[in-house]
N, C-alpha and C. Protein backbone atom coordinates (compact mmCIF):
# COMPACT_ATOMS: atom_id res chain seq x y z
N MET A 1 160.06 128.63 139.04
CA MET A 1 158.70 128.73 138.16
C MET A 1 159.09 129.40 136.62
N ILE A 2 158.72 128.40 135.57
CA ILE A 2 159.49 128.54 134.32
C ILE A 2 158.10 129.50 133.52
N ASN A 3 158.97 130.32 132.51
CA ASN A 3 158.05 131.03 132.25
C ASN A 3 157.92 130.60 130.51
N ASN A 4 156.99 129.82 130.37
CA ASN A 4 156.68 129.20 128.83
C ASN A 4 156.00 130.03 127.86
N ASN A 5 156.07 131.52 127.93
CA ASN A 5 155.56 132.38 127.02
C ASN A 5 156.30 132.97 126.00
N LYS A 6 157.68 132.47 126.57
CA LYS A 6 158.85 133.27 125.27
C LYS A 6 158.25 133.04 124.13
N ILE A 7 159.02 133.76 123.18
CA ILE A 7 158.77 133.35 121.69
C ILE A 7 159.96 133.14 121.17
N SER A 8 160.22 132.24 120.62
CA SER A 8 161.87 131.70 120.14
C SER A 8 162.19 132.60 118.80
N SER A 9 162.69 133.16 118.53
CA SER A 9 163.25 133.64 117.31
C SER A 9 163.54 132.71 116.10
N ASN A 10 164.00 131.65 116.35
CA ASN A 10 164.59 130.84 115.43
C ASN A 10 163.48 129.67 114.54
N LYS A 11 162.43 130.06 115.12
CA LYS A 11 161.39 129.03 114.55
C LYS A 11 161.07 129.98 113.12
N LYS A 12 160.78 129.03 112.33
CA LYS A 12 160.33 129.99 111.25
C LYS A 12 158.54 129.49 111.22
N ILE A 13 157.90 130.40 110.67
CA ILE A 13 156.38 130.63 110.38
C ILE A 13 156.32 129.67 109.32
N GLU A 14 155.41 128.40 109.18
CA GLU A 14 155.32 127.86 108.05
C GLU A 14 153.60 128.31 107.94
N LYS A 15 153.71 128.09 106.03
CA LYS A 15 152.14 128.02 105.88
C LYS A 15 151.64 126.55 106.09
N PRO A 16 150.23 126.81 106.59
CA PRO A 16 149.39 125.59 107.32
C PRO A 16 148.89 124.75 105.75
N TYR A 17 149.13 123.47 106.13
CA TYR A 17 149.06 122.90 105.17
C TYR A 17 147.82 122.80 104.91
N ASN A 18 147.33 122.43 103.72
CA ASN A 18 145.58 122.44 102.99
C ASN A 18 145.59 121.19 102.37
N CYS A 19 145.21 119.98 102.80
CA CYS A 19 145.19 119.18 101.97
C CYS A 19 144.41 118.73 100.75
N ARG A 20 143.93 118.11 100.21
CA ARG A 20 143.46 117.99 98.89
C ARG A 20 141.97 117.59 99.13
N ASN A 21 141.72 117.03 99.82
CA ASN A 21 140.42 116.77 100.42
C ASN A 21 139.68 118.03 100.79
N CYS A 22 140.30 118.58 101.63
CA CYS A 22 139.76 120.35 102.21
C CYS A 22 139.35 121.05 100.77
N TYR A 23 140.24 121.01 99.70
CA TYR A 23 139.77 121.63 98.64
C TYR A 23 138.92 121.09 97.52
N ILE A 24 138.56 119.87 97.74
CA ILE A 24 137.57 119.21 96.87
C ILE A 24 136.00 119.55 97.67
N ILE A 25 136.25 119.29 98.78
CA ILE A 25 135.01 120.09 99.88
C ILE A 25 134.48 121.49 99.77
N ARG A 26 135.85 122.30 99.73
CA ARG A 26 135.60 123.63 99.62
C ARG A 26 134.79 123.99 98.15
N PHE A 27 135.40 123.15 97.19
CA PHE A 27 134.69 122.83 95.63
C PHE A 27 133.64 123.10 95.60
N PHE A 28 132.87 121.55 96.55
CA PHE A 28 131.74 121.40 96.69
C PHE A 28 130.98 122.20 97.02
N LEU A 29 131.15 122.66 98.13
CA LEU A 29 130.10 123.68 98.83
C LEU A 29 130.03 124.85 98.13
N LEU A 30 131.02 125.47 97.30
CA LEU A 30 131.23 126.73 96.67
C LEU A 30 129.98 126.61 95.52
N ALA A 31 130.02 125.18 94.70
CA ALA A 31 129.12 125.01 93.74
C ALA A 31 127.42 124.90 94.18
N VAL A 32 127.82 124.46 95.41
CA VAL A 32 126.24 124.09 95.72
C VAL A 32 125.92 125.87 96.02
N VAL A 33 126.65 126.57 96.63
CA VAL A 33 126.22 127.82 96.49
C VAL A 33 125.87 128.47 95.42
N PHE A 34 126.45 128.19 94.60
CA PHE A 34 126.09 129.04 93.51
C PHE A 34 125.07 127.97 92.82
N ILE A 35 124.67 127.30 92.73
CA ILE A 35 123.63 126.75 92.44
C ILE A 35 122.13 127.00 93.16
N ILE A 36 122.31 127.40 94.13
CA ILE A 36 121.34 127.81 95.24
C ILE A 36 120.97 129.38 94.39
N LEU A 37 122.09 130.21 94.49
CA LEU A 37 122.19 131.45 93.67
C LEU A 37 121.58 131.22 92.39
N PHE A 38 121.75 130.61 91.66
CA PHE A 38 121.26 130.59 90.04
C PHE A 38 120.04 130.11 90.20
N ALA A 39 119.20 128.76 91.15
CA ALA A 39 117.61 129.12 91.31
C ALA A 39 116.91 130.05 91.91
N LEU A 40 117.84 130.69 92.80
CA LEU A 40 116.91 132.23 93.31
C LEU A 40 116.86 132.97 92.14
N ILE A 41 117.91 133.17 91.43
CA ILE A 41 117.67 134.53 90.48
C ILE A 41 116.79 133.80 89.17
N GLN A 42 117.04 132.47 88.52
CA GLN A 42 116.42 132.21 87.62
C GLN A 42 115.00 131.58 88.03
N SER A 43 114.33 131.95 88.86
CA SER A 43 113.55 130.82 89.47
C SER A 43 112.22 130.56 88.27
N ASP A 44 112.32 131.53 87.01
CA ASP A 44 111.07 130.73 85.91
C ASP A 44 111.72 130.10 85.07
N ASN A 45 113.37 130.19 84.99
CA ASN A 45 113.94 129.29 83.95
C ASN A 45 114.51 127.68 84.23
N LEU A 46 114.10 127.50 85.69
CA LEU A 46 114.56 126.33 86.01
C LEU A 46 114.07 124.85 85.61
N HIS A 47 113.40 125.42 84.27
CA HIS A 47 113.16 123.74 83.80
C HIS A 47 114.43 123.34 82.66
N TYR A 48 115.53 124.22 82.99
CA TYR A 48 116.85 123.59 82.10
C TYR A 48 117.48 122.75 82.97
N LEU A 49 117.30 122.83 84.41
CA LEU A 49 117.33 121.84 85.37
C LEU A 49 116.69 120.38 85.88
N ASP A 50 115.80 120.25 84.86
CA ASP A 50 115.32 118.97 85.03
C ASP A 50 115.89 117.61 85.16
N PHE A 51 116.69 117.56 84.20
CA PHE A 51 118.07 116.12 84.17
C PHE A 51 118.70 115.81 85.53
N VAL A 52 118.34 117.04 86.66
CA VAL A 52 119.07 116.63 87.91
C VAL A 52 118.32 116.26 88.68
N THR A 53 118.58 115.03 88.51
CA THR A 53 117.26 113.91 89.87
C THR A 53 118.38 113.06 90.64
N PRO A 54 117.81 112.80 91.48
CA PRO A 54 118.72 111.74 92.35
C PRO A 54 119.42 110.46 91.81
N THR A 55 118.26 110.04 90.64
CA THR A 55 118.93 108.91 90.19
C THR A 55 119.95 109.19 89.04
N ASN A 56 119.74 110.30 88.27
CA ASN A 56 120.81 110.42 87.56
C ASN A 56 122.12 110.59 88.45
N ALA A 57 122.03 111.39 89.26
CA ALA A 57 123.46 111.77 90.33
C ALA A 57 123.88 110.41 90.62
N ALA A 58 123.53 109.15 91.14
CA ALA A 58 123.83 108.19 91.44
C ALA A 58 124.52 107.72 89.96
N ILE A 59 123.85 107.78 89.04
CA ILE A 59 124.15 107.44 88.05
C ILE A 59 125.68 107.63 87.45
N LEU A 60 125.88 108.87 87.50
CA LEU A 60 126.95 109.84 87.22
C LEU A 60 127.84 109.53 88.19
N ILE A 61 127.85 109.15 89.66
CA ILE A 61 128.60 108.80 90.49
C ILE A 61 129.02 107.27 90.26
N ILE A 62 128.50 106.71 89.95
CA ILE A 62 128.83 104.89 89.62
C ILE A 62 129.75 104.98 88.44
N ILE A 63 129.20 105.79 87.50
CA ILE A 63 130.08 105.83 86.08
C ILE A 63 131.56 106.64 86.32
N LEU A 64 131.56 107.71 87.08
CA LEU A 64 132.70 107.81 87.39
C LEU A 64 133.73 107.04 88.19
N GLY A 65 133.27 106.45 89.29
CA GLY A 65 133.71 105.52 89.94
C GLY A 65 134.00 103.99 89.43
N VAL A 66 133.63 103.91 88.15
CA VAL A 66 134.36 102.79 87.36
C VAL A 66 135.26 103.15 86.79
N ILE A 67 134.79 104.22 86.12
CA ILE A 67 136.29 104.94 85.02
C ILE A 67 137.00 104.95 85.83
N MET A 68 137.26 105.83 87.31
CA MET A 68 138.35 106.02 87.82
C MET A 68 139.05 104.59 88.39
N PHE A 69 138.20 103.48 88.65
CA PHE A 69 138.64 102.03 89.25
C PHE A 69 139.55 101.35 88.03
N LEU A 70 138.94 101.62 86.43
CA LEU A 70 139.61 101.10 85.45
C LEU A 70 140.79 101.94 84.93
N ILE A 71 140.89 103.41 85.31
CA ILE A 71 142.34 103.89 84.97
C ILE A 71 143.37 102.96 86.39
N LYS A 72 143.06 103.21 87.26
CA LYS A 72 143.84 102.55 88.60
C LYS A 72 144.02 101.17 88.23
N LEU A 73 143.29 100.29 87.89
CA LEU A 73 143.55 99.00 87.68
C LEU A 73 144.65 99.21 86.38
N THR A 74 144.40 99.93 85.40
CA THR A 74 145.54 99.55 84.01
C THR A 74 146.61 100.25 84.93
N ASN A 75 146.89 101.16 85.27
CA ASN A 75 147.80 101.89 85.99
C ASN A 75 148.42 100.93 86.84
N TYR A 76 147.81 100.03 87.75
CA TYR A 76 148.81 99.29 88.61
C TYR A 76 149.14 98.42 87.70
N PHE A 77 148.79 97.63 86.75
CA PHE A 77 149.15 96.50 85.75
C PHE A 77 150.64 96.90 85.06
N PHE A 78 150.50 97.96 84.76
CA PHE A 78 151.47 98.71 83.98
C PHE A 78 152.56 98.69 84.87
N GLU A 79 152.47 99.20 86.23
CA GLU A 79 153.65 99.92 87.07
C GLU A 79 153.95 98.11 87.06
N LYS A 80 153.31 97.22 87.48
CA LYS A 80 153.71 95.30 88.22
C LYS A 80 154.69 94.98 86.65
N LYS A 81 154.37 95.45 85.64
CA LYS A 81 154.68 94.74 84.53
C LYS A 81 155.97 95.48 84.45
N ASN A 82 156.24 96.56 84.51
CA ASN A 82 157.62 97.39 84.58
C ASN A 82 158.62 96.85 85.55
N ASN A 83 158.08 96.49 86.50
CA ASN A 83 159.05 96.37 87.84
C ASN A 83 159.23 94.65 87.55
């Protein structure tokens, strides 16, 4: 019978890898928590957040997507031209 529970002293303990997507998701969840806390604390002053609507959020996402696409497209053409 082989004992597989032995701890090898030759192995290095590495830090767990945190991907970029995990950081983005964590940042988003933290922002949502802060918005909820802000809404609970400032319940009488929420008229400042009237501009946050689903339509405005969709427009912002589309505009940011188009901007990122144009940046990546120009970067692609510059790299293609240099090669």
